[in-house]
Amino acid sequence: MNQIVNKFPEIPSQCATILDILRDRSCNIPHKQALTLLEDRETQELTLTSDELENFCTINSLANLIERKTTILMQY
């Protein structure tokens, strides 16, 4: 049985959501590993730092917003 170890630093009290935590970490420890995706539960496929993860989420959200707005415009 694998033991799970919590390696997360203390979460600041002003962080109410996961997004708040990501933003806080992006500002305070931008180059520290935040997320690792595994290809087959073992092989590391992709690792993102806190800063890269926030940028990815922001860019992805913006792309989704643009896609939704252009879809609405094209329906008219």
N, C-alpha and C. Protein backbone atom coordinates (compact mmCIF):
# COMPACT_ATOMS: atom_id res chain seq x y z
N MET A 1 0.82 -1.17 0.00
CA MET A 1 0.00 0.00 0.00
C MET A 1 0.88 1.24 0.00
N ASN A 2 0.60 2.18 -0.91
CA ASN A 2 1.37 3.41 -1.00
C ASN A 2 0.91 4.40 0.06
N GLN A 3 1.89 5.05 0.68
CA GLN A 3 1.57 6.06 1.67
C GLN A 3 1.46 7.41 0.98
N ILE A 4 0.40 8.16 1.27
CA ILE A 4 0.21 9.48 0.70
C ILE A 4 0.79 10.50 1.67
N VAL A 5 1.66 11.34 1.14
CA VAL A 5 2.30 12.36 1.97
C VAL A 5 1.84 13.72 1.49
N ASN A 6 1.33 14.55 2.40
CA ASN A 6 0.90 15.90 2.05
C ASN A 6 2.12 16.79 1.97
N LYS A 7 2.44 17.25 0.76
CA LYS A 7 3.61 18.11 0.56
C LYS A 7 3.20 19.55 0.32
N PHE A 8 1.94 19.88 0.60
CA PHE A 8 1.45 21.23 0.34
C PHE A 8 1.86 22.17 1.47
N PRO A 9 2.36 23.36 1.08
CA PRO A 9 2.64 24.36 2.11
C PRO A 9 1.32 24.84 2.73
N GLU A 10 1.42 25.51 3.83
CA GLU A 10 0.25 26.06 4.51
C GLU A 10 -0.57 26.93 3.55
N ILE A 11 -1.88 26.77 3.59
CA ILE A 11 -2.77 27.55 2.72
C ILE A 11 -3.11 28.84 3.45
N PRO A 12 -2.84 30.00 2.82
CA PRO A 12 -3.15 31.28 3.46
C PRO A 12 -4.65 31.42 3.76
N SER A 13 -4.98 32.11 4.83
CA SER A 13 -6.37 32.24 5.26
C SER A 13 -7.23 33.01 4.26
N GLN A 14 -6.63 33.89 3.45
CA GLN A 14 -7.41 34.66 2.48
C GLN A 14 -7.79 33.83 1.24
N CYS A 15 -7.28 32.62 1.13
CA CYS A 15 -7.60 31.75 0.00
C CYS A 15 -8.87 30.95 0.30
N ALA A 16 -9.94 31.26 -0.44
CA ALA A 16 -11.21 30.58 -0.22
C ALA A 16 -11.48 29.49 -1.25
N THR A 17 -10.83 29.58 -2.41
CA THR A 17 -11.08 28.61 -3.48
C THR A 17 -9.75 28.08 -4.01
N ILE A 18 -9.84 27.06 -4.84
CA ILE A 18 -8.63 26.51 -5.48
C ILE A 18 -7.98 27.58 -6.36
N LEU A 19 -8.80 28.38 -7.05
CA LEU A 19 -8.23 29.45 -7.88
C LEU A 19 -7.46 30.46 -7.04
N ASP A 20 -7.98 30.78 -5.85
CA ASP A 20 -7.26 31.68 -4.95
C ASP A 20 -5.90 31.10 -4.57
N ILE A 21 -5.88 29.81 -4.30
CA ILE A 21 -4.63 29.14 -3.94
C ILE A 21 -3.65 29.18 -5.11
N LEU A 22 -4.14 28.89 -6.32
CA LEU A 22 -3.27 28.92 -7.49
C LEU A 22 -2.69 30.32 -7.72
N ARG A 23 -3.53 31.34 -7.57
CA ARG A 23 -3.06 32.71 -7.75
C ARG A 23 -2.03 33.09 -6.69
N ASP A 24 -2.28 32.69 -5.46
CA ASP A 24 -1.34 32.97 -4.38
C ASP A 24 0.00 32.29 -4.64
N ARG A 25 -0.05 31.03 -5.02
CA ARG A 25 1.19 30.29 -5.30
C ARG A 25 1.90 30.86 -6.53
N SER A 26 1.13 31.29 -7.52
CA SER A 26 1.72 31.85 -8.72
C SER A 26 2.50 33.12 -8.39
N CYS A 27 1.99 33.90 -7.45
CA CYS A 27 2.66 35.14 -7.04
C CYS A 27 3.85 34.88 -6.13
N ASN A 28 3.69 33.94 -5.21
CA ASN A 28 4.71 33.73 -4.18
C ASN A 28 5.76 32.67 -4.51
N ILE A 29 5.37 31.64 -5.21
CA ILE A 29 6.33 30.59 -5.59
C ILE A 29 6.06 30.17 -7.05
N PRO A 30 6.27 31.10 -7.99
CA PRO A 30 5.88 30.86 -9.38
C PRO A 30 6.62 29.72 -10.07
N HIS A 31 7.82 29.41 -9.64
CA HIS A 31 8.62 28.41 -10.35
C HIS A 31 8.60 27.04 -9.69
N LYS A 32 7.78 26.88 -8.66
CA LYS A 32 7.69 25.59 -7.99
C LYS A 32 6.65 24.71 -8.70
N GLN A 33 6.95 23.44 -8.79
CA GLN A 33 6.05 22.47 -9.45
C GLN A 33 4.68 22.49 -8.77
N ALA A 34 3.62 22.62 -9.59
CA ALA A 34 2.26 22.68 -9.05
C ALA A 34 1.42 21.49 -9.48
N LEU A 35 1.69 20.97 -10.67
CA LEU A 35 0.85 19.90 -11.21
C LEU A 35 1.70 18.99 -12.09
N THR A 36 1.51 17.70 -11.92
CA THR A 36 2.17 16.72 -12.78
C THR A 36 1.10 15.78 -13.33
N LEU A 37 1.05 15.68 -14.64
CA LEU A 37 0.13 14.76 -15.28
C LEU A 37 0.89 13.48 -15.62
N LEU A 38 0.27 12.34 -15.33
CA LEU A 38 0.90 11.05 -15.59
C LEU A 38 0.21 10.38 -16.76
N GLU A 39 1.01 9.84 -17.65
CA GLU A 39 0.49 9.19 -18.85
C GLU A 39 -0.23 7.88 -18.52
N ASP A 40 0.38 7.06 -17.70
CA ASP A 40 -0.17 5.75 -17.41
C ASP A 40 -0.06 5.41 -15.91
N ARG A 41 -0.29 6.41 -15.09
CA ARG A 41 -0.17 6.31 -13.63
C ARG A 41 1.27 6.21 -13.16
N GLU A 42 2.21 6.21 -14.07
CA GLU A 42 3.62 6.11 -13.68
C GLU A 42 4.52 7.06 -14.46
N THR A 43 4.33 7.12 -15.77
CA THR A 43 5.21 7.90 -16.63
C THR A 43 4.80 9.36 -16.62
N GLN A 44 5.75 10.21 -16.25
CA GLN A 44 5.46 11.64 -16.21
C GLN A 44 5.27 12.16 -17.63
N GLU A 45 4.13 12.77 -17.89
CA GLU A 45 3.83 13.29 -19.22
C GLU A 45 4.07 14.79 -19.29
N LEU A 46 3.63 15.51 -18.26
CA LEU A 46 3.72 16.97 -18.27
C LEU A 46 3.78 17.48 -16.84
N THR A 47 4.64 18.46 -16.61
CA THR A 47 4.73 19.12 -15.31
C THR A 47 4.58 20.61 -15.53
N LEU A 48 3.74 21.24 -14.72
CA LEU A 48 3.54 22.69 -14.81
C LEU A 48 3.88 23.32 -13.47
N THR A 49 4.52 24.49 -13.53
CA THR A 49 4.77 25.26 -12.32
C THR A 49 3.49 26.03 -11.98
N SER A 50 3.46 26.65 -10.81
CA SER A 50 2.28 27.43 -10.41
C SER A 50 1.98 28.51 -11.42
N ASP A 51 3.02 29.20 -11.87
CA ASP A 51 2.85 30.28 -12.84
C ASP A 51 2.35 29.75 -14.18
N GLU A 52 2.94 28.66 -14.66
CA GLU A 52 2.50 28.06 -15.93
C GLU A 52 1.06 27.58 -15.86
N LEU A 53 0.69 27.01 -14.72
CA LEU A 53 -0.67 26.51 -14.55
C LEU A 53 -1.68 27.65 -14.57
N GLU A 54 -1.38 28.74 -13.87
CA GLU A 54 -2.29 29.89 -13.88
C GLU A 54 -2.39 30.49 -15.28
N ASN A 55 -1.26 30.63 -15.96
CA ASN A 55 -1.28 31.16 -17.33
C ASN A 55 -2.09 30.25 -18.26
N PHE A 56 -1.93 28.95 -18.12
CA PHE A 56 -2.68 28.00 -18.94
C PHE A 56 -4.17 28.15 -18.68
N CYS A 57 -4.56 28.24 -17.41
CA CYS A 57 -5.98 28.38 -17.06
C CYS A 57 -6.54 29.69 -17.60
N THR A 58 -5.77 30.77 -17.49
CA THR A 58 -6.22 32.07 -17.99
C THR A 58 -6.38 32.04 -19.49
N ILE A 59 -5.40 31.51 -20.20
CA ILE A 59 -5.46 31.43 -21.66
C ILE A 59 -6.60 30.53 -22.10
N ASN A 60 -6.78 29.40 -21.43
CA ASN A 60 -7.85 28.48 -21.77
C ASN A 60 -9.21 29.11 -21.53
N SER A 61 -9.37 29.83 -20.42
CA SER A 61 -10.63 30.51 -20.13
C SER A 61 -10.93 31.57 -21.18
N LEU A 62 -9.91 32.31 -21.56
CA LEU A 62 -10.09 33.34 -22.58
C LEU A 62 -10.47 32.72 -23.92
N ALA A 63 -9.82 31.63 -24.28
CA ALA A 63 -10.14 30.94 -25.54
C ALA A 63 -11.58 30.42 -25.52
N ASN A 64 -12.02 29.88 -24.40
CA ASN A 64 -13.40 29.40 -24.29
C ASN A 64 -14.39 30.54 -24.41
N LEU A 65 -14.08 31.68 -23.79
CA LEU A 65 -14.95 32.84 -23.87
C LEU A 65 -15.07 33.33 -25.31
N ILE A 66 -13.95 33.44 -25.99
CA ILE A 66 -13.95 33.88 -27.40
C ILE A 66 -14.74 32.90 -28.26
N GLU A 67 -14.55 31.62 -28.03
CA GLU A 67 -15.27 30.61 -28.81
C GLU A 67 -16.78 30.72 -28.58
N ARG A 68 -17.19 30.91 -27.33
CA ARG A 68 -18.63 31.05 -27.04
C ARG A 68 -19.20 32.31 -27.68
N LYS A 69 -18.47 33.43 -27.60
CA LYS A 69 -18.96 34.69 -28.17
C LYS A 69 -19.06 34.61 -29.69
N THR A 70 -18.06 34.00 -30.34
CA THR A 70 -18.12 33.91 -31.80
C THR A 70 -19.20 32.94 -32.24
N THR A 71 -19.46 31.91 -31.45
CA THR A 71 -20.55 30.98 -31.78
C THR A 71 -21.89 31.70 -31.71
N ILE A 72 -22.07 32.53 -30.69
CA ILE A 72 -23.31 33.30 -30.54
C ILE A 72 -23.47 34.26 -31.71
N LEU A 73 -22.39 34.95 -32.09
CA LEU A 73 -22.45 35.89 -33.21
C LEU A 73 -22.76 35.19 -34.53
N MET A 74 -22.23 34.01 -34.71
CA MET A 74 -22.43 33.28 -35.98
C MET A 74 -23.85 32.74 -36.09
N GLN A 75 -24.56 32.61 -34.98
CA GLN A 75 -25.93 32.10 -35.02
C GLN A 75 -26.89 33.14 -35.56
N TYR A 76 -26.53 34.42 -35.54
CA TYR A 76 -27.44 35.47 -35.98
C TYR A 76 -27.38 35.69 -37.45
